[in-house]
N, C-alpha and C. Protein backbone atom coordinates (compact mmCIF):
# COMPACT_ATOMS: atom_id res chain seq x y z
N MET A 1 -44.22 27.54 30.74
CA MET A 1 -42.63 27.45 31.02
C MET A 1 -42.43 26.00 30.87
N GLN A 2 -43.20 24.83 31.51
CA GLN A 2 -43.00 23.24 31.18
C GLN A 2 -42.74 22.95 29.72
N SER A 3 -43.34 23.60 28.58
CA SER A 3 -42.91 23.31 27.38
C SER A 3 -41.45 23.59 26.81
N ARG A 4 -40.99 24.62 27.77
CA ARG A 4 -39.46 25.31 27.57
C ARG A 4 -38.82 23.99 28.25
N VAL A 5 -39.13 23.70 29.19
CA VAL A 5 -38.22 22.57 29.62
C VAL A 5 -38.34 21.26 28.70
N SER A 6 -39.37 20.73 28.04
CA SER A 6 -39.52 20.15 27.42
C SER A 6 -38.42 20.23 26.28
N ASN A 7 -38.59 21.31 25.26
CA ASN A 7 -37.84 21.74 24.76
C ASN A 7 -36.37 21.66 24.68
N THR A 8 -35.78 22.22 25.97
CA THR A 8 -34.67 22.04 26.61
C THR A 8 -34.02 20.75 26.59
N GLY A 9 -35.18 19.57 26.99
CA GLY A 9 -34.72 18.45 26.89
C GLY A 9 -34.56 17.76 25.73
N GLU A 10 -35.66 17.88 24.98
CA GLU A 10 -35.35 17.46 23.25
C GLU A 10 -33.78 18.06 22.97
N GLN A 11 -33.56 19.40 22.85
CA GLN A 11 -31.96 19.70 22.62
C GLN A 11 -31.35 19.11 22.94
N SER A 12 -31.57 18.69 24.43
CA SER A 12 -29.88 17.87 24.70
C SER A 12 -30.59 16.85 24.14
N LYS A 13 -31.21 15.96 23.73
CA LYS A 13 -31.08 14.60 23.83
C LYS A 13 -30.66 14.81 22.18
N LEU A 14 -31.18 15.50 21.01
CA LEU A 14 -30.77 15.63 19.89
C LEU A 14 -28.95 16.38 20.12
N ARG A 15 -28.33 17.14 20.69
CA ARG A 15 -27.06 17.58 20.87
C ARG A 15 -26.14 16.21 21.23
N HIS A 16 -26.97 15.26 22.10
CA HIS A 16 -26.32 14.03 22.68
C HIS A 16 -26.28 13.10 21.69
N ALA A 17 -27.34 12.93 20.82
CA ALA A 17 -27.43 12.01 19.39
C ALA A 17 -26.44 12.70 18.32
N GLY A 18 -26.14 13.63 18.24
CA GLY A 18 -25.47 14.50 17.20
C GLY A 18 -23.99 14.03 17.57
N LEU A 19 -23.75 14.03 19.12
CA LEU A 19 -22.27 13.79 19.35
C LEU A 19 -22.17 12.52 19.24
N CYS A 20 -22.81 11.52 19.83
CA CYS A 20 -23.13 10.10 19.89
C CYS A 20 -22.65 9.76 17.98
N LEU A 21 -23.16 10.16 17.03
CA LEU A 21 -22.84 10.35 15.81
C LEU A 21 -21.48 10.54 14.81
N VAL A 22 -21.07 11.45 15.54
CA VAL A 22 -19.30 12.38 15.47
C VAL A 22 -18.97 11.06 16.02
N ILE A 23 -19.03 10.58 17.31
CA ILE A 23 -17.59 9.59 17.71
C ILE A 23 -17.66 8.26 17.27
N ALA A 24 -19.06 7.70 16.83
CA ALA A 24 -19.06 6.47 15.88
C ALA A 24 -18.28 7.02 14.23
N MET A 25 -18.81 8.07 14.07
CA MET A 25 -17.92 8.09 12.75
C MET A 25 -16.54 8.16 12.76
N VAL A 26 -16.03 8.80 14.12
CA VAL A 26 -14.27 8.74 14.33
C VAL A 26 -13.86 7.63 14.51
N VAL A 27 -14.68 6.66 15.29
CA VAL A 27 -14.32 5.29 15.31
C VAL A 27 -14.38 4.04 14.31
N SER A 28 -15.24 4.51 13.51
CA SER A 28 -15.24 3.99 12.29
C SER A 28 -13.96 4.14 11.32
N LEU A 29 -13.81 5.18 11.10
CA LEU A 29 -12.86 5.85 10.19
C LEU A 29 -11.23 5.06 11.14
N ALA A 30 -11.40 5.65 12.00
CA ALA A 30 -9.92 4.71 12.90
C ALA A 30 -9.79 3.09 12.70
N SER A 31 -11.15 2.42 12.69
CA SER A 31 -11.18 0.80 12.45
C SER A 31 -10.50 0.59 11.35
N CYS A 32 -10.86 1.37 10.08
CA CYS A 32 -10.35 1.01 8.80
C CYS A 32 -9.04 1.78 8.38
N GLY A 33 -8.10 2.25 9.23
CA GLY A 33 -7.20 2.76 9.40
C GLY A 33 -6.29 2.23 8.04
N GLU A 34 -5.80 1.00 7.81
CA GLU A 34 -5.20 0.51 6.68
C GLU A 34 -5.62 0.91 5.69
N ASN A 35 -7.13 0.91 5.39
CA ASN A 35 -7.57 1.91 4.00
C ASN A 35 -6.71 2.88 3.77
N LEU A 36 -6.64 4.14 4.56
CA LEU A 36 -6.44 5.48 4.63
C LEU A 36 -4.80 4.80 4.25
N LEU A 37 -4.18 3.73 4.21
CA LEU A 37 -3.18 3.75 3.39
C LEU A 37 -2.61 3.57 2.24
N SER A 38 -4.06 3.65 1.25
CA SER A 38 -3.81 3.36 0.16
C SER A 38 -3.87 4.49 -0.70
N PRO A 39 -3.52 4.61 -1.98
CA PRO A 39 -3.65 6.17 -2.33
C PRO A 39 -5.09 6.16 -2.77
N ALA A 40 -5.04 7.25 -3.02
CA ALA A 40 -6.84 7.84 -3.32
C ALA A 40 -7.11 7.35 -4.54
N ASP A 41 -5.99 7.74 -5.97
CA ASP A 41 -6.32 7.49 -7.25
C ASP A 41 -4.90 6.85 -7.58
N SER A 42 -4.90 5.39 -7.69
CA SER A 42 -3.70 4.40 -7.56
C SER A 42 -3.75 3.94 -9.26
N SER A 43 -4.69 4.68 -10.21
CA SER A 43 -4.08 4.20 -11.24
C SER A 43 -3.55 5.73 -12.06
N ALA A 44 -3.52 6.67 -11.64
CA ALA A 44 -2.77 7.86 -11.91
C ALA A 44 -1.10 7.66 -11.50
N ARG A 45 -0.30 8.42 -11.79
CA ARG A 45 1.14 8.60 -11.83
C ARG A 45 1.30 9.13 -10.58
N MET A 46 2.28 9.31 -9.65
CA MET A 46 2.41 9.97 -8.18
C MET A 46 3.16 11.14 -8.89
N THR A 47 3.06 12.45 -8.39
CA THR A 47 3.42 13.44 -7.93
C THR A 47 4.85 13.77 -7.44
N ARG A 48 5.00 12.37 -6.39
CA ARG A 48 6.02 12.80 -5.81
C ARG A 48 5.99 10.74 -4.96
N LEU A 49 7.01 10.70 -4.53
CA LEU A 49 6.80 9.21 -3.95
C LEU A 49 6.25 9.40 -2.63
N PRO A 50 5.47 8.05 -2.25
CA PRO A 50 4.93 8.08 -1.07
C PRO A 50 5.46 7.89 0.35
N ASP A 51 4.92 8.03 1.28
CA ASP A 51 5.72 7.70 2.46
C ASP A 51 5.81 6.74 3.27
N SER A 52 4.54 5.88 2.41
CA SER A 52 4.78 4.39 2.99
C SER A 52 4.90 3.65 1.91
N PRO A 53 5.06 1.77 1.86
CA PRO A 53 5.12 1.14 0.84
C PRO A 53 3.87 1.09 0.41
N CYS A 54 2.87 1.33 1.39
CA CYS A 54 1.46 1.03 0.85
C CYS A 54 0.87 2.11 0.10
N GLY A 55 1.65 3.21 -0.11
CA GLY A 55 0.52 4.37 -0.77
C GLY A 55 1.23 3.85 -2.50
N PHE A 56 2.24 3.11 -2.90
CA PHE A 56 2.40 2.36 -3.94
C PHE A 56 0.83 2.04 -4.62
N LEU A 57 0.29 1.14 -4.37
CA LEU A 57 -0.95 0.62 -4.43
C LEU A 57 -2.08 -0.23 -3.43
N ALA A 58 -3.33 0.13 -3.91
CA ALA A 58 -4.09 -0.11 -3.32
C ALA A 58 -4.52 -1.69 -3.17
N SER A 59 -4.93 -2.84 -2.40
CA SER A 59 -5.26 -3.75 -2.41
C SER A 59 -5.90 -4.43 -4.07
N ALA A 60 -6.84 -3.39 -4.43
CA ALA A 60 -7.68 -3.68 -5.44
C ALA A 60 -6.67 -3.46 -6.44
N ASP A 61 -5.61 -2.54 -6.82
CA ASP A 61 -4.65 -2.50 -7.74
C ASP A 61 -3.67 -3.71 -7.90
N VAL A 62 -3.13 -4.24 -6.82
CA VAL A 62 -2.35 -5.56 -6.70
C VAL A 62 -3.24 -6.50 -7.23
N ALA A 63 -4.45 -6.45 -6.79
CA ALA A 63 -5.46 -7.81 -7.48
C ALA A 63 -5.35 -7.94 -9.23
N ALA A 64 -5.91 -6.59 -9.61
CA ALA A 64 -5.92 -6.34 -11.10
C ALA A 64 -4.45 -6.65 -11.73
N ALA A 65 -3.71 -6.12 -11.03
CA ALA A 65 -2.43 -6.49 -11.51
C ALA A 65 -2.16 -7.76 -11.49
N THR A 66 -2.07 -8.65 -10.42
CA THR A 66 -1.53 -9.76 -10.23
C THR A 66 -2.72 -11.38 -10.79
N HIS A 67 -4.11 -10.54 -10.64
CA HIS A 67 -4.88 -11.62 -10.85
C HIS A 67 -5.10 -12.49 -9.99
N LEU A 68 -4.79 -12.38 -8.35
CA LEU A 68 -4.88 -12.85 -7.18
C LEU A 68 -6.17 -12.40 -6.83
N ASP A 69 -6.75 -13.27 -5.61
CA ASP A 69 -7.71 -12.51 -4.86
C ASP A 69 -7.06 -12.10 -3.44
N VAL A 70 -6.84 -11.04 -3.68
CA VAL A 70 -6.06 -10.06 -2.63
C VAL A 70 -6.45 -9.09 -1.29
N GLY A 71 -6.13 -9.80 0.33
CA GLY A 71 -6.73 -9.23 0.87
C GLY A 71 -6.42 -7.57 1.26
N ASP A 72 -6.59 -7.05 2.60
CA ASP A 72 -6.34 -5.71 2.86
C ASP A 72 -4.71 -5.26 2.83
N ALA A 73 -4.13 -4.54 2.53
CA ALA A 73 -2.67 -4.02 2.75
C ALA A 73 -2.70 -3.98 4.25
N ARG A 74 -1.41 -4.14 5.00
CA ARG A 74 -1.02 -4.03 5.89
C ARG A 74 0.55 -4.04 5.92
N ARG A 75 1.14 -2.26 6.55
CA ARG A 75 2.37 -1.96 6.59
C ARG A 75 3.07 -2.40 7.88
N VAL A 76 4.37 -2.61 7.87
CA VAL A 76 5.09 -3.20 9.24
C VAL A 76 6.46 -2.93 8.64
N HIS A 77 7.24 -2.68 9.63
CA HIS A 77 8.42 -1.94 9.82
C HIS A 77 9.83 -2.94 9.27
N ALA A 78 10.97 -2.83 8.26
CA ALA A 78 11.47 -3.71 7.34
C ALA A 78 12.39 -4.33 8.90
N ARG A 79 12.87 -3.60 9.51
CA ARG A 79 13.85 -3.99 10.62
C ARG A 79 13.22 -3.82 12.18
N THR A 80 13.03 -4.45 12.84
CA THR A 80 12.43 -3.74 14.09
C THR A 80 13.56 -2.95 15.35
N GLU A 81 14.49 -3.46 15.00
CA GLU A 81 15.39 -2.87 15.77
C GLU A 81 16.35 -1.08 15.06
N ASP A 82 15.62 -1.10 13.73
CA ASP A 82 15.80 0.36 12.89
C ASP A 82 14.45 0.61 12.39
N PRO A 83 13.43 0.79 12.89
CA PRO A 83 12.61 1.50 12.35
C PRO A 83 12.65 2.59 10.90
N GLY A 84 13.68 3.26 11.11
CA GLY A 84 13.51 4.27 10.17
C GLY A 84 14.48 4.03 8.67
N ASP A 85 14.48 2.52 8.49
CA ASP A 85 15.44 2.06 7.49
C ASP A 85 14.65 1.65 6.56
N GLY A 86 13.52 1.89 6.42
CA GLY A 86 11.98 1.34 5.69
C GLY A 86 10.78 0.64 6.04
N SER A 87 10.22 0.20 5.51
CA SER A 87 8.55 -0.59 5.75
C SER A 87 8.09 -1.21 4.54
N ILE A 88 8.10 -2.22 4.77
CA ILE A 88 7.24 -2.94 4.31
C ILE A 88 5.68 -3.10 4.12
N CYS A 89 5.10 -3.25 2.94
CA CYS A 89 3.47 -3.47 2.63
C CYS A 89 3.62 -4.87 2.05
N LEU A 90 2.63 -5.27 3.08
CA LEU A 90 2.27 -6.69 2.83
C LEU A 90 0.89 -7.01 2.62
N TYR A 91 0.57 -8.00 1.06
CA TYR A 91 -0.60 -8.08 0.54
C TYR A 91 -1.02 -9.49 0.50
N GLU A 92 -2.03 -9.57 1.81
CA GLU A 92 -2.46 -11.05 1.61
C GLU A 92 -3.08 -11.66 0.47
N THR A 93 -2.62 -13.16 0.14
CA THR A 93 -3.32 -13.31 -0.99
C THR A 93 -3.96 -14.95 -0.73
N ARG A 94 -4.79 -15.44 -1.41
CA ARG A 94 -5.38 -16.71 -1.23
C ARG A 94 -4.85 -17.34 -2.30
N SER A 95 -3.53 -17.53 -2.85
CA SER A 95 -2.89 -18.39 -3.44
C SER A 95 -1.79 -19.13 -3.17
N GLU A 96 -0.75 -19.58 -3.92
CA GLU A 96 0.20 -20.68 -3.20
C GLU A 96 1.20 -19.62 -2.91
N LEU A 97 1.33 -18.12 -3.69
CA LEU A 97 2.54 -17.58 -3.47
C LEU A 97 2.29 -16.70 -2.21
N GLY A 98 1.47 -17.23 -1.20
CA GLY A 98 1.27 -16.43 0.20
C GLY A 98 1.06 -14.61 0.08
N THR A 99 2.27 -14.35 1.13
CA THR A 99 1.49 -12.79 1.05
C THR A 99 2.48 -12.18 -0.34
N LEU A 100 2.06 -11.21 -0.67
CA LEU A 100 2.99 -10.17 -1.69
C LEU A 100 3.78 -9.10 -0.95
N VAL A 101 4.55 -8.82 -1.30
CA VAL A 101 5.27 -7.70 -0.72
C VAL A 101 5.94 -6.65 -1.13
N ILE A 102 5.88 -5.29 -0.69
CA ILE A 102 6.30 -4.50 -1.44
C ILE A 102 7.23 -3.46 -0.30
N VAL A 103 8.49 -3.46 -0.33
CA VAL A 103 9.75 -2.74 0.22
C VAL A 103 9.82 -1.57 -0.33
N PHE A 104 9.85 -0.99 0.78
CA PHE A 104 10.12 0.83 0.61
C PHE A 104 10.66 1.39 1.43
N PRO A 105 11.30 2.48 1.27
CA PRO A 105 12.77 1.97 0.48
C PRO A 105 13.30 0.92 0.82
N ASP A 106 14.12 0.16 -0.21
CA ASP A 106 14.90 -1.05 -0.16
C ASP A 106 16.24 -0.36 -0.15
N ALA A 107 16.77 -0.58 1.23
CA ALA A 107 18.16 0.31 1.34
C ALA A 107 18.99 -1.03 1.05
N LEU A 108 18.69 -2.39 0.95
CA LEU A 108 19.65 -3.74 0.43
C LEU A 108 20.26 -3.04 -1.20
N LYS A 109 18.67 -2.56 -1.74
CA LYS A 109 19.02 -2.71 -3.17
C LYS A 109 19.27 -1.29 -3.83
N ALA A 110 19.44 -0.40 -2.72
CA ALA A 110 19.69 1.15 -3.57
C ALA A 110 20.78 1.35 -4.26
N GLU A 111 22.00 0.49 -3.61
CA GLU A 111 22.94 0.96 -5.04
C GLU A 111 22.99 0.35 -6.13
N GLU A 112 21.91 -0.44 -6.20
CA GLU A 112 21.87 -0.94 -7.99
C GLU A 112 21.16 0.40 -8.61
N CYS A 113 20.46 1.32 -8.01
CA CYS A 113 19.54 2.22 -8.67
C CYS A 113 20.57 3.19 -8.75
N LYS A 114 20.93 3.35 -9.95
CA LYS A 114 22.12 4.57 -10.83
C LYS A 114 20.92 5.36 -11.44
N GLU A 115 19.95 5.11 -11.80
CA GLU A 115 18.91 6.17 -12.53
C GLU A 115 17.77 5.27 -12.23
N ARG A 116 16.41 6.00 -12.54
CA ARG A 116 15.38 5.44 -12.33
C ARG A 116 14.81 4.65 -13.54
N THR A 117 14.31 3.50 -13.16
CA THR A 117 13.80 2.48 -14.08
C THR A 117 12.82 3.41 -15.43
N PRO A 118 13.50 3.67 -16.61
CA PRO A 118 12.72 4.34 -17.36
C PRO A 118 11.21 3.58 -17.67
N ASN A 119 11.25 2.24 -17.90
CA ASN A 119 10.00 1.52 -18.28
C ASN A 119 9.76 0.51 -18.18
N GLU A 120 8.70 -0.18 -18.46
CA GLU A 120 8.26 -1.69 -18.17
C GLU A 120 9.53 -2.81 -18.61
N GLY A 121 9.69 -2.21 -19.86
CA GLY A 121 10.57 -2.69 -21.04
C GLY A 121 12.09 -3.30 -19.85
N ALA A 122 12.64 -2.65 -19.25
CA ALA A 122 13.87 -2.35 -18.49
C ALA A 122 14.02 -3.66 -17.55
N LEU A 123 12.56 -4.01 -16.71
CA LEU A 123 12.60 -4.70 -15.64
C LEU A 123 12.83 -6.06 -16.47
N PRO A 124 13.15 -7.31 -15.31
CA PRO A 124 14.43 -8.13 -15.88
C PRO A 124 13.20 -9.17 -16.66
N GLN A 125 13.21 -9.44 -17.94
CA GLN A 125 11.97 -10.14 -18.08
C GLN A 125 12.62 -11.19 -18.01
N ASN A 126 13.30 -11.85 -17.30
CA ASN A 126 13.88 -13.31 -17.29
C ASN A 126 14.12 -13.51 -16.20
N HIS A 127 13.23 -13.27 -15.41
CA HIS A 127 13.71 -13.15 -13.68
C HIS A 127 13.54 -14.67 -13.25
N GLU A 128 14.91 -14.63 -12.53
CA GLU A 128 15.33 -16.27 -12.14
C GLU A 128 14.98 -15.98 -10.72
N GLY A 129 14.71 -15.50 -10.03
CA GLY A 129 14.00 -15.37 -8.50
C GLY A 129 14.73 -14.52 -7.50
N GLY A 130 14.27 -14.53 -6.26
CA GLY A 130 14.42 -13.17 -5.41
C GLY A 130 13.30 -12.23 -5.82
N PRO A 131 13.67 -11.28 -5.20
CA PRO A 131 12.46 -9.61 -5.29
C PRO A 131 13.00 -9.33 -6.83
N VAL A 132 12.27 -8.49 -7.70
CA VAL A 132 12.11 -7.81 -8.33
C VAL A 132 12.35 -6.13 -7.91
N THR A 133 13.11 -5.73 -8.52
CA THR A 133 13.56 -4.28 -8.05
C THR A 133 13.57 -3.50 -9.17
N VAL A 134 12.20 -2.16 -9.01
CA VAL A 134 12.01 -1.18 -9.37
C VAL A 134 12.71 0.32 -8.92
N CYS A 135 13.37 0.74 -9.76
CA CYS A 135 14.00 1.72 -9.40
C CYS A 135 13.42 3.37 -9.26
N ALA A 136 12.64 3.87 -8.29
CA ALA A 136 11.66 4.97 -8.47
C ALA A 136 12.82 6.68 -8.67
N ALA A 137 14.37 6.27 -8.19
CA ALA A 137 14.87 7.28 -8.45
C ALA A 137 16.05 6.86 -8.27
N ARG A 138 17.28 7.57 -8.25
CA ARG A 138 18.98 7.40 -8.25
C ARG A 138 19.07 7.18 -6.81
N GLY A 139 19.18 5.88 -6.50
CA GLY A 139 19.96 5.35 -5.28
C GLY A 139 18.49 4.91 -4.30
N THR A 140 16.86 5.09 -4.84
CA THR A 140 15.71 4.99 -4.30
C THR A 140 15.36 3.53 -4.84
N ALA A 141 15.36 2.60 -4.01
CA ALA A 141 14.57 1.10 -4.54
C ALA A 141 13.44 0.56 -4.07
N VAL A 142 12.85 0.28 -5.08
CA VAL A 142 11.20 -0.47 -4.45
C VAL A 142 11.25 -2.01 -4.55
N SER A 143 11.37 -2.77 -3.73
CA SER A 143 11.38 -4.26 -4.50
C SER A 143 10.06 -4.93 -4.07
N VAL A 144 9.79 -5.69 -4.63
CA VAL A 144 8.71 -6.83 -4.97
C VAL A 144 8.73 -8.21 -4.73
N GLN A 145 8.11 -8.80 -3.86
CA GLN A 145 8.73 -10.01 -3.99
C GLN A 145 7.33 -10.97 -3.41
N ALA A 146 7.57 -12.23 -3.11
CA ALA A 146 6.19 -12.95 -2.74
C ALA A 146 6.89 -14.20 -1.31
N GLN A 147 5.90 -14.03 -0.63
CA GLN A 147 6.27 -14.93 0.51
C GLN A 147 6.85 -16.39 -0.18
N HIS A 148 6.06 -17.09 -0.84
CA HIS A 148 6.50 -17.92 -1.79
C HIS A 148 6.62 -18.19 -2.71
N MET A 149 7.95 -18.45 -3.46
CA MET A 149 8.43 -18.13 -4.87
C MET A 149 8.39 -20.00 -5.26
N ILE A 150 7.18 -20.30 -5.44
CA ILE A 150 6.87 -21.66 -6.07
C ILE A 150 5.87 -21.62 -7.20
N GLY A 151 6.19 -22.87 -7.85
CA GLY A 151 5.12 -22.99 -9.38
C GLY A 151 6.05 -22.08 -10.28
N ASN A 152 5.44 -22.23 -11.46
CA ASN A 152 6.03 -21.15 -12.49
C ASN A 152 4.99 -19.93 -12.77
N SER A 153 3.87 -19.71 -11.71
CA SER A 153 3.22 -18.17 -12.14
C SER A 153 4.26 -17.13 -10.95
N TYR A 154 5.09 -17.39 -10.20
CA TYR A 154 5.48 -16.35 -9.35
C TYR A 154 6.32 -15.35 -10.56
N ARG A 155 7.22 -15.94 -11.28
CA ARG A 155 7.79 -14.67 -11.84
C ARG A 155 6.99 -13.64 -12.53
N ALA A 156 5.93 -14.34 -13.47
CA ALA A 156 5.19 -13.45 -14.06
C ALA A 156 4.36 -12.65 -12.86
N THR A 157 3.76 -13.20 -12.17
CA THR A 157 3.32 -12.30 -10.74
C THR A 157 3.78 -11.22 -10.46
N LEU A 158 5.63 -11.50 -10.05
CA LEU A 158 6.56 -10.52 -9.79
C LEU A 158 6.69 -9.10 -10.42
N LEU A 159 6.55 -9.86 -11.70
CA LEU A 159 7.11 -8.84 -13.07
C LEU A 159 5.52 -7.60 -13.49
N SER A 160 4.31 -8.59 -13.23
CA SER A 160 3.14 -7.65 -12.88
C SER A 160 3.26 -6.87 -11.98
N LEU A 161 3.37 -7.18 -10.98
CA LEU A 161 3.08 -6.30 -10.06
C LEU A 161 4.20 -5.31 -9.70
N ALA A 162 5.61 -5.41 -10.26
CA ALA A 162 6.70 -4.14 -10.38
C ALA A 162 6.13 -3.16 -11.52
N GLU A 163 5.58 -3.90 -12.47
CA GLU A 163 5.35 -3.21 -13.57
C GLU A 163 4.20 -1.99 -13.04
N ALA A 164 3.41 -2.70 -12.14
CA ALA A 164 2.11 -1.63 -11.22
C ALA A 164 2.82 -0.53 -10.70
N VAL A 165 3.82 -1.13 -10.06
CA VAL A 165 4.27 0.07 -9.35
C VAL A 165 5.04 1.12 -10.09
N LEU A 166 5.95 0.70 -10.92
CA LEU A 166 6.68 1.54 -11.94
C LEU A 166 5.58 2.52 -12.69
N ARG A 167 4.26 2.13 -13.00
CA ARG A 167 3.34 3.08 -13.24
C ARG A 167 2.89 4.38 -12.36
N ARG A 168 3.45 3.91 -11.20
CA ARG A 168 3.18 4.64 -10.47
C ARG A 168 3.65 5.77 -9.87
N VAL A 169 5.13 5.16 -10.26
CA VAL A 169 6.46 6.32 -9.67
C VAL A 169 6.38 7.38 -10.63
N PRO A 170 6.66 8.58 -9.73
CA PRO A 170 6.61 10.12 -10.37
C PRO A 170 7.57 10.20 -11.44
N ASP A 171 7.71 10.93 -12.81
CA ASP A 171 8.75 11.32 -13.42
C ASP A 171 9.89 12.17 -12.67
N GLU A 172 11.17 11.83 -13.43
CA GLU A 172 11.78 12.46 -12.34
C GLU A 172 11.89 14.32 -12.69
């Protein structure tokens, strides 16, 4: 009878250890929630527009497109008084440009989007400042910009980032 109690005690310890393992996994996944915002396969064209601006590109994709050291993506709302008006994905960089920004949907630029941007050649090659807008669909704008638009490299960086977003936008 005593060996049975011992087995029950060991089984209880094993169940407790298994429960602890499951809890640890859930906490671990919750703590890296920002990474869950990133697309699973960000090299492929999407079949539909993402729910979040961070769904366009993972931090590694931004780094590859811009040749900058890019940290984790962080989503924030465009306007605190109107959270339904779109949101922003911030990519911290260790460069003179500071934070790179993707705004989606960009309600301020939506009127400019009469049709989907057809290809990279349709982006403004002589960009003179401000955000670069990609028309993901008619009336749906995605804007990319930098915190500090200084130096000569920011134009090329924004165009590279816009091209990376455009490569992900689904075909109409």
